[in-house]
Each structure stands twice: as structure tokens, then as C-alpha cells.
Amino acid sequence: MEEHFITLILEDESEIECRILTIFEAAGRDYVALLPVDAPEDDDTVYLYRYSEDENEEPVIEYIDDDDEYEIVDEAFDEWLDAQEYDELVSADEDF
């Protein structure tokens, strides 16, 4: 699977290059999970944003400023992450 990257521009105008982990749905909307490329190995920071595409099919991400919405998105991402870990365990068992 091809990896995709995006550059985040933070409030302080600093930039962070991120790899797109996944685009997923929560509460009827699309969201994206971003992993900083240059993060230390022990840093498990993941950025979650609203995701859509404009009329030219270019990605658009929006900051989630509502705490309730963020909690729903965070739970959906955790479920996705758990499913990925389960899939890895099942495929590892199939190798035996």
C-alpha cells in the first residue's frame, strides 16, 4: 500500500510532516489520523482531524475544536487501532 504524507502547519506557524495512517468514519463524518514522521520512536502522538475533499478532490483537514466530537473520534480511532492489532495477531497465527 502506498504511503501518503501531509504537512501540518500549527498555530505557531511551525510545520510537521506527517504520514496518513488512515481515513476513518465516526458519527457519519470522515476523519484522518496523522503520525508525525520525525517523532521519537517512544512518542505515540497521533493527530486527529476532520477530513473532506474539495471540488477538485484535494484533501481538506479541519481542526476538531469540540471536546465531545473529539472524544467520539478518539474512540473510533482506538477501535480502528485495536482492529489493526487484532488483524496482525490473526495473520501471525496463520503463518504457523
Protein backbone atom coordinates (compact mmCIF):
# COMPACT_ATOMS: atom_id res chain seq x y z
CA MET A 1 0.00 0.00 0.00
CA GLU A 2 1.33 3.42 -0.96
CA GLU A 3 2.05 5.82 1.89
CA HIS A 4 0.71 9.37 1.76
CA PHE A 5 2.09 12.38 3.59
CA ILE A 6 0.77 15.78 4.56
CA THR A 7 2.40 18.84 6.12
CA LEU A 8 0.58 20.31 9.11
CA ILE A 9 1.01 23.98 9.87
CA LEU A 10 0.47 24.55 13.58
CA GLU A 11 -0.84 27.68 15.34
CA ASP A 12 2.72 28.90 15.93
CA GLU A 13 3.38 28.56 12.15
CA SER A 14 5.72 25.60 12.69
CA GLU A 15 5.39 22.72 10.25
CA ILE A 16 5.20 18.99 10.94
CA GLU A 17 5.47 16.39 8.21
CA CYS A 18 3.01 13.55 8.91
CA ARG A 19 2.18 10.19 7.41
CA ILE A 20 -1.51 9.48 6.90
CA LEU A 21 -2.27 6.39 8.99
CA THR A 22 -5.90 6.07 7.97
CA ILE A 23 -9.04 7.88 6.98
CA PHE A 24 -11.98 6.58 9.01
CA GLU A 25 -15.60 7.36 9.75
CA ALA A 26 -17.08 8.39 13.07
CA ALA A 27 -20.62 9.69 13.69
CA GLY A 28 -21.27 9.99 9.96
CA ARG A 29 -18.21 12.11 9.13
CA ASP A 30 -14.74 11.32 7.82
CA TYR A 31 -11.62 11.87 9.89
CA VAL A 32 -7.92 11.36 9.34
CA ALA A 33 -5.23 10.07 11.70
CA LEU A 34 -1.77 11.57 11.16
CA LEU A 35 1.54 10.30 12.55
CA PRO A 36 4.47 12.77 12.74
CA VAL A 37 7.35 11.48 10.60
CA ASP A 38 10.17 12.81 12.78
CA ALA A 39 8.69 11.86 16.15
CA PRO A 40 10.94 9.91 18.51
CA GLU A 41 10.27 6.17 18.50
CA ASP A 42 8.80 6.27 22.01
CA ASP A 43 6.40 9.12 21.12
CA ASP A 44 2.95 7.79 20.26
CA THR A 45 1.45 11.14 19.26
CA VAL A 46 -1.26 10.88 16.62
CA TYR A 47 -3.12 13.92 15.30
CA LEU A 48 -6.84 13.54 14.54
CA TYR A 49 -8.59 15.95 12.16
CA ARG A 50 -11.84 16.18 10.22
CA TYR A 51 -11.26 15.09 6.63
CA SER A 52 -13.03 16.02 3.41
CA GLU A 53 -12.17 16.75 -0.21
CA ASP A 54 -12.81 19.96 -2.09
CA GLU A 55 -14.40 20.23 -5.54
CA ASN A 56 -11.02 19.35 -7.12
CA GLU A 57 -10.75 16.21 -4.95
CA GLU A 58 -7.93 17.80 -2.95
CA PRO A 59 -7.80 16.82 0.73
CA VAL A 60 -9.04 19.31 3.31
CA ILE A 61 -8.40 18.81 7.01
CA GLU A 62 -10.02 20.78 9.82
CA TYR A 63 -9.09 21.07 13.47
CA ILE A 64 -11.60 19.47 15.86
CA ASP A 65 -12.33 22.10 18.49
CA ASP A 66 -15.38 20.46 20.10
CA ASP A 67 -14.45 18.21 23.05
CA ASP A 68 -17.45 15.91 22.58
CA GLU A 69 -16.71 15.43 18.89
CA TYR A 70 -13.03 14.79 19.64
CA GLU A 71 -13.94 12.13 22.21
CA ILE A 72 -16.11 10.31 19.63
CA VAL A 73 -13.32 10.50 17.05
CA ASP A 74 -10.69 9.34 19.54
CA GLU A 75 -12.81 6.30 20.49
CA ALA A 76 -13.38 5.43 16.81
CA PHE A 77 -9.64 5.68 16.13
CA ASP A 78 -8.89 3.45 19.15
CA GLU A 79 -11.34 0.87 17.75
CA TRP A 80 -9.60 1.05 14.36
CA LEU A 81 -6.23 0.63 16.06
CA ASP A 82 -7.46 -2.36 18.06
CA ALA A 83 -8.77 -3.96 14.85
CA GLN A 84 -5.38 -3.48 13.18
CA GLU A 85 -3.59 -5.12 16.09
CA TYR A 86 -6.10 -8.00 16.03
CA ASP A 87 -5.60 -8.46 12.28
CA GLU A 88 -1.82 -8.59 12.81
CA LEU A 89 -2.22 -11.23 15.51
CA VAL A 90 -4.55 -13.34 13.37
CA SER A 91 -2.28 -13.16 10.32
CA ALA A 92 0.73 -14.08 12.50
CA ASP A 93 -1.17 -17.15 13.76
CA GLU A 94 -1.96 -18.17 10.19
CA ASP A 95 1.77 -18.31 9.40
CA PHE A 96 2.17 -21.35 11.67
